[in-house]
Amino acid sequence: MVVLDEEQLQRFHDDGFVLVPDVLSPDEADALLHAAWEQFPSPEQYFADPESFAHLTSTPFSGLANFPWTSPALNRLVANPRILAIVRQILGVDDIRLYKGELWAKYAGNTDYDQHHHRDFGNHTLVVPTVERRWMQVTTFTYLCDIDENNGATAAVSKKLTSDIPLGRRRTEPGELRDIEVLASGRAGTTLFYSTEVFHRATSLKAPGASRFTILADYRAADATWTNKHSFGHLGQRPEMIEFVTNVDAATRTLLDIPAPGHPYWTDQTITDMEIRYPGIDMTPYRAAQH
């Protein structure tokens, strides 16, 4: 599996973020963009009648939809093998968890997405970021369309330039870091990896008729349980979650805190009852690990 090369990994450690192109092929990104349009209107649909979709732009966050989404293919992106391999490389651990999944649709014209610089830990955890790699959070934006200064590229500031700001401070004064920020522009299929140490902000969609579609998936080490923006148990009756749990493999299920094969939770009873709850699920690995 292709992970970060030495230069990219050093850039992540030095700056706190790195843009990785071609995590998805152009065809893969295009297919997932169309899958996102099962959940949100396409730009053509939206701009043909913006008033009908005003609820999606009433605030900068109105176009957010949490995992799981309508499309099974889109849901599989949170378990993309290359993204997971890079997260494991950064954290230095194999056992990781997904703790947030969001699909974010943005459309120009009705709301201003511009933000002040902030660090993301404030609504991800009750503690603060740490410089210890194992305990950090890795946050990701995967671009389903080309993103640049015209349609709201994220602006980020290298942590080398903010090392004098304590990690317990979440926000800066308005405009304070804008002269040293860089835009995380990239073509469709790019993934931005960054840590919650990094000051960053959303920017305005400047071009008329501009739109932007991204998947935000955030990860932590399995035992970093103090990071927990989203939980998934309360979603267990949703058809999208049932489809996901039924059809992904055992390793992918661990991302949602379903115990791995071999865990003492798995007994003849729990394995059999999983097959009742999720018709069609393959519990062979769990049975095999009992012996």
Protein backbone atom coordinates (compact mmCIF):
# COMPACT_ATOMS: atom_id res chain seq x y z
CA MET A 1 0.00 0.00 0.00
CA VAL A 2 1.40 3.42 -1.00
CA VAL A 3 1.72 5.65 2.04
CA LEU A 4 3.48 8.99 2.57
CA ASP A 5 7.00 9.17 1.25
CA GLU A 6 9.75 10.48 3.51
CA GLU A 7 9.34 14.07 2.34
CA GLN A 8 5.56 14.05 2.77
CA LEU A 9 5.77 12.51 6.23
CA GLN A 10 8.34 15.10 7.29
CA ARG A 11 6.08 17.85 5.93
CA PHE A 12 3.23 16.53 8.04
CA HIS A 13 5.42 16.45 11.15
CA ASP A 14 6.80 19.96 10.48
CA ASP A 15 3.66 21.73 9.27
CA GLY A 16 0.92 19.61 10.81
CA PHE A 17 -0.71 19.02 7.43
CA VAL A 18 0.02 17.54 4.02
CA LEU A 19 -1.90 17.41 0.74
CA VAL A 20 -1.79 14.02 -0.97
CA PRO A 21 -2.91 14.02 -4.62
CA ASP A 22 -4.47 11.06 -6.42
CA VAL A 23 -5.72 9.18 -3.37
CA LEU A 24 -8.69 8.60 -5.66
CA SER A 25 -8.37 8.22 -9.42
CA PRO A 26 -10.27 10.75 -11.57
CA ASP A 27 -12.89 8.11 -12.34
CA GLU A 28 -13.27 7.17 -8.67
CA ALA A 29 -13.60 10.80 -7.60
CA ASP A 30 -16.17 11.48 -10.32
CA ALA A 31 -18.23 8.43 -9.35
CA LEU A 32 -18.24 9.50 -5.71
CA LEU A 33 -19.14 13.07 -6.67
CA HIS A 34 -22.21 11.74 -8.44
CA ALA A 35 -22.91 9.60 -5.37
CA ALA A 36 -22.81 12.77 -3.25
CA TRP A 37 -25.48 14.20 -5.54
CA GLU A 38 -27.80 11.45 -4.33
CA GLN A 39 -27.65 13.24 -0.95
CA PHE A 40 -27.39 16.86 -2.10
CA PRO A 41 -28.38 18.65 -5.30
CA SER A 42 -25.84 18.85 -8.07
CA PRO A 43 -24.64 22.38 -8.92
CA GLU A 44 -26.88 22.31 -11.99
CA GLN A 45 -29.90 21.44 -9.85
CA TYR A 46 -29.05 23.89 -7.09
CA PHE A 47 -28.36 26.95 -9.21
CA ALA A 48 -31.42 26.33 -11.41
CA ASP A 49 -33.58 27.08 -8.35
CA PRO A 50 -31.55 28.23 -5.30
CA GLU A 51 -34.65 29.21 -3.33
CA SER A 52 -35.84 25.60 -3.30
CA PHE A 53 -32.59 24.60 -1.60
CA ALA A 54 -32.21 27.62 0.70
CA HIS A 55 -32.19 25.30 3.73
CA LEU A 56 -28.80 24.00 2.56
CA THR A 57 -27.19 27.44 2.75
CA SER A 58 -29.06 29.11 5.61
CA THR A 59 -25.83 28.80 7.65
CA PRO A 60 -22.30 27.81 6.61
CA PHE A 61 -22.89 24.38 8.19
CA SER A 62 -26.33 23.64 6.74
CA GLY A 63 -24.81 21.53 3.97
CA LEU A 64 -23.33 18.97 6.36
CA ALA A 65 -24.61 15.38 6.46
CA ASN A 66 -23.18 12.86 8.92
CA PHE A 67 -22.03 9.32 8.10
CA PRO A 68 -23.60 7.01 6.98
CA TRP A 69 -24.82 8.52 3.73
CA THR A 70 -27.30 7.47 1.07
CA SER A 71 -24.67 5.89 -1.17
CA PRO A 72 -22.93 2.66 -0.08
CA ALA A 73 -19.97 3.58 -2.30
CA LEU A 74 -19.61 6.92 -0.53
CA ASN A 75 -19.74 5.19 2.84
CA ARG A 76 -16.84 2.95 1.82
CA LEU A 77 -14.62 6.02 1.48
CA VAL A 78 -14.19 6.20 5.27
CA ALA A 79 -12.42 2.83 4.93
CA ASN A 80 -10.36 3.68 1.86
CA PRO A 81 -7.24 1.47 2.20
CA ARG A 82 -4.75 4.19 1.30
CA ILE A 83 -6.29 6.75 3.65
CA LEU A 84 -6.25 4.22 6.48
CA ALA A 85 -2.66 3.22 5.71
CA ILE A 86 -1.54 6.85 5.89
CA VAL A 87 -3.42 7.42 9.14
CA ARG A 88 -1.74 4.36 10.65
CA GLN A 89 1.63 5.58 9.41
CA ILE A 90 1.13 9.00 11.02
CA LEU A 91 -0.12 7.63 14.34
CA GLY A 92 2.34 4.75 14.42
CA VAL A 93 -0.39 2.27 15.46
CA ASP A 94 -2.39 -0.31 13.55
CA ASP A 95 -5.58 -0.32 15.62
CA ILE A 96 -7.51 2.84 14.72
CA ARG A 97 -11.08 4.12 14.93
CA LEU A 98 -13.23 6.43 12.87
CA TYR A 99 -14.64 9.11 15.15
CA LYS A 100 -16.30 11.44 12.65
CA GLY A 101 -17.66 11.26 9.12
CA GLU A 102 -19.24 14.20 7.30
CA LEU A 103 -20.21 15.00 3.74
CA TRP A 104 -20.07 18.76 3.21
CA ALA A 105 -21.78 20.44 0.28
CA LYS A 106 -21.19 24.16 -0.26
CA TYR A 107 -22.82 26.47 -2.80
CA ALA A 108 -21.95 30.09 -3.56
CA GLY A 109 -24.32 32.99 -3.22
CA ASN A 110 -26.50 32.64 -0.13
CA THR A 111 -24.03 32.33 2.75
CA ASP A 112 -20.45 33.32 3.45
CA TYR A 113 -18.32 30.32 4.44
CA ASP A 114 -15.36 32.47 5.53
CA GLN A 115 -14.08 31.67 9.03
CA HIS A 116 -11.47 32.90 11.46
CA HIS A 117 -8.52 30.61 12.18
CA HIS A 118 -9.22 27.87 14.68
CA ARG A 119 -8.04 24.48 15.87
CA ASP A 120 -10.51 21.62 15.55
CA PHE A 121 -10.26 19.99 18.95
CA GLY A 122 -12.95 22.11 20.64
CA ASN A 123 -15.86 19.90 19.59
CA HIS A 124 -13.87 16.68 19.14
CA THR A 125 -12.71 16.11 22.72
CA LEU A 126 -12.87 17.50 26.25
CA VAL A 127 -9.07 17.58 26.52
CA VAL A 128 -6.40 19.33 24.44
CA PRO A 129 -4.07 18.35 21.58
CA THR A 130 -0.83 16.58 22.42
CA VAL A 131 2.46 16.53 20.54
CA GLU A 132 2.66 12.77 21.16
CA ARG A 133 1.86 11.22 17.76
CA ARG A 134 0.10 8.17 19.17
CA TRP A 135 -2.55 10.24 20.93
CA MET A 136 -3.23 12.83 18.29
CA GLN A 137 -6.20 12.95 15.95
CA VAL A 138 -5.78 12.73 12.18
CA THR A 139 -8.44 14.68 10.33
CA THR A 140 -8.97 14.32 6.59
CA PHE A 141 -10.73 16.17 3.78
CA THR A 142 -11.11 14.18 0.56
CA TYR A 143 -11.93 16.33 -2.46
CA LEU A 144 -14.69 15.02 -4.71
CA CYS A 145 -14.20 17.98 -7.06
CA ASP A 146 -11.36 20.33 -7.93
CA ILE A 147 -10.87 22.88 -5.13
CA ASP A 148 -9.00 26.18 -5.32
CA GLU A 149 -9.33 29.82 -4.27
CA ASN A 150 -12.54 30.19 -6.30
CA ASN A 151 -14.57 27.55 -4.49
CA GLY A 152 -13.41 27.69 -0.92
CA ALA A 153 -10.04 25.99 -0.53
CA THR A 154 -9.19 25.51 3.14
CA ALA A 155 -6.53 27.91 4.42
CA ALA A 156 -3.98 26.44 6.84
CA VAL A 157 -1.01 27.77 8.80
CA SER A 158 2.11 25.71 9.39
CA LYS A 159 2.44 24.82 13.04
CA LYS A 160 6.07 25.92 12.80
CA LEU A 161 4.73 29.47 12.57
CA THR A 162 2.39 29.13 15.54
CA SER A 163 4.62 27.21 17.95
CA ASP A 164 4.44 30.13 20.41
CA ILE A 165 0.65 29.74 20.74
CA PRO A 166 -0.27 27.25 23.50
CA LEU A 167 -2.13 24.16 22.28
CA GLY A 168 -4.95 24.90 24.69
CA ARG A 169 -5.86 28.01 22.71
CA ARG A 170 -8.51 27.25 20.09
CA ARG A 171 -8.86 30.54 18.21
CA THR A 172 -6.82 33.52 17.12
CA GLU A 173 -7.86 37.13 16.80
CA PRO A 174 -9.73 37.83 13.53
CA GLY A 175 -7.25 38.29 10.70
CA GLU A 176 -4.25 37.49 12.90
CA LEU A 177 -2.72 34.71 10.75
CA ARG A 178 -4.01 35.50 7.27
CA ASP A 179 -0.69 36.84 6.04
CA ILE A 180 1.03 33.48 6.68
CA GLU A 181 -1.68 31.02 5.62
CA VAL A 182 -1.56 28.83 2.53
CA LEU A 183 -4.47 27.49 0.53
CA ALA A 184 -4.90 23.71 0.36
CA SER A 185 -5.87 23.65 -3.30
CA GLY A 186 -6.06 20.33 -5.11
CA ARG A 187 -7.75 18.46 -7.89
CA ALA A 188 -10.52 15.95 -7.37
CA GLY A 189 -9.19 12.84 -5.61
CA THR A 190 -6.81 14.76 -3.33
CA THR A 191 -6.87 14.20 0.43
CA LEU A 192 -5.78 16.79 2.97
CA PHE A 193 -4.41 15.21 6.16
CA TYR A 194 -3.96 17.48 9.17
CA SER A 195 -3.78 17.38 12.94
CA THR A 196 -5.81 19.34 15.46
CA GLU A 197 -2.70 21.34 16.33
CA VAL A 198 -3.13 23.25 13.07
CA PHE A 199 -4.83 26.62 12.79
CA HIS A 200 -6.96 26.62 9.67
CA ARG A 201 -10.17 28.15 8.34
CA ALA A 202 -12.80 27.83 5.67
CA THR A 203 -12.74 30.47 2.93
CA SER A 204 -15.44 32.06 0.82
CA LEU A 205 -16.72 30.63 -2.44
CA LYS A 206 -15.76 33.56 -4.64
CA ALA A 207 -16.82 32.51 -8.12
CA PRO A 208 -20.48 32.88 -9.14
CA GLY A 209 -22.02 29.44 -9.41
CA ALA A 210 -19.18 27.84 -7.44
CA SER A 211 -19.71 24.69 -5.39
CA ARG A 212 -17.58 22.34 -3.34
CA PHE A 213 -18.06 18.74 -2.19
CA THR A 214 -15.78 17.04 0.35
CA ILE A 215 -15.78 14.05 2.67
CA LEU A 216 -14.44 14.75 6.17
CA ALA A 217 -13.32 11.61 7.99
CA ASP A 218 -11.40 11.78 11.27
CA TYR A 219 -9.44 9.02 13.01
CA ARG A 220 -7.75 8.23 16.30
CA ALA A 221 -5.92 5.37 17.95
CA ALA A 222 -8.36 2.78 19.31
CA ASP A 223 -7.38 3.50 22.90
CA ALA A 224 -7.57 7.31 22.58
CA THR A 225 -11.15 7.13 23.80
CA TRP A 226 -11.30 10.76 24.92
CA THR A 227 -11.74 11.78 21.29
CA ASN A 228 -15.30 11.06 20.24
CA LYS A 229 -17.13 13.71 18.21
CA HIS A 230 -19.53 11.16 16.69
CA SER A 231 -20.79 7.85 18.03
CA PHE A 232 -22.46 5.25 15.88
CA GLY A 233 -24.52 2.95 18.10
CA HIS A 234 -27.60 5.16 17.91
CA LEU A 235 -27.51 4.79 14.11
CA GLY A 236 -27.85 1.03 14.21
CA GLN A 237 -31.39 0.95 12.85
CA ARG A 238 -30.69 3.09 9.81
CA PRO A 239 -30.71 1.11 6.54
CA GLU A 240 -27.43 2.74 5.47
CA MET A 241 -25.68 1.55 8.62
CA ILE A 242 -27.19 -1.92 8.38
CA GLU A 243 -25.90 -2.18 4.80
CA PHE A 244 -22.44 -1.02 5.85
CA VAL A 245 -22.06 -3.38 8.81
CA THR A 246 -23.45 -6.31 6.83
CA ASN A 247 -21.25 -5.98 3.78
CA VAL A 248 -17.86 -4.64 4.88
CA ASP A 249 -15.15 -6.96 6.17
CA ALA A 250 -14.25 -7.61 9.80
CA ALA A 251 -11.27 -5.23 9.76
CA THR A 252 -13.45 -2.36 8.51
CA ARG A 253 -16.05 -3.02 11.20
CA THR A 254 -13.43 -2.33 13.87
CA LEU A 255 -13.38 1.30 12.69
CA LEU A 256 -16.83 1.59 14.29
CA ASP A 257 -15.72 -0.18 17.50
CA ILE A 258 -17.17 -3.56 16.59
CA PRO A 259 -14.79 -6.04 18.28
CA ALA A 260 -12.30 -7.79 16.00
CA PRO A 261 -12.34 -11.57 15.49
CA GLY A 262 -10.73 -13.24 18.47
CA HIS A 263 -12.03 -10.73 21.00
CA PRO A 264 -13.63 -12.47 24.00
CA TYR A 265 -16.91 -10.74 23.22
CA TRP A 266 -17.38 -13.22 20.40
CA THR A 267 -19.07 -16.42 21.55
CA ASP A 268 -21.36 -18.88 19.80
CA GLN A 269 -24.27 -16.81 21.06
CA THR A 270 -23.08 -13.38 19.94
CA ILE A 271 -21.95 -14.67 16.53
CA THR A 272 -25.26 -16.41 15.89
CA ASP A 273 -27.27 -13.39 17.00
CA MET A 274 -25.25 -11.08 14.74
CA GLU A 275 -26.38 -13.28 11.85
CA ILE A 276 -29.97 -12.77 12.98
CA ARG A 277 -29.58 -9.01 13.31
CA TYR A 278 -27.70 -8.62 10.01
CA PRO A 279 -28.98 -11.21 7.49
CA GLY A 280 -26.25 -12.03 5.00
CA ILE A 281 -23.33 -10.94 7.20
CA ASP A 282 -20.24 -13.14 6.92
CA MET A 283 -19.27 -14.17 10.44
CA THR A 284 -16.79 -16.81 9.28
CA PRO A 285 -13.72 -14.89 10.51
CA TYR A 286 -15.24 -14.57 13.98
CA ARG A 287 -16.03 -18.29 14.20
CA ALA A 288 -12.59 -19.23 12.91
CA ALA A 289 -10.88 -17.04 15.52
CA GLN A 290 -12.61 -18.93 18.35
CA HIS A 291 -10.45 -21.98 17.73
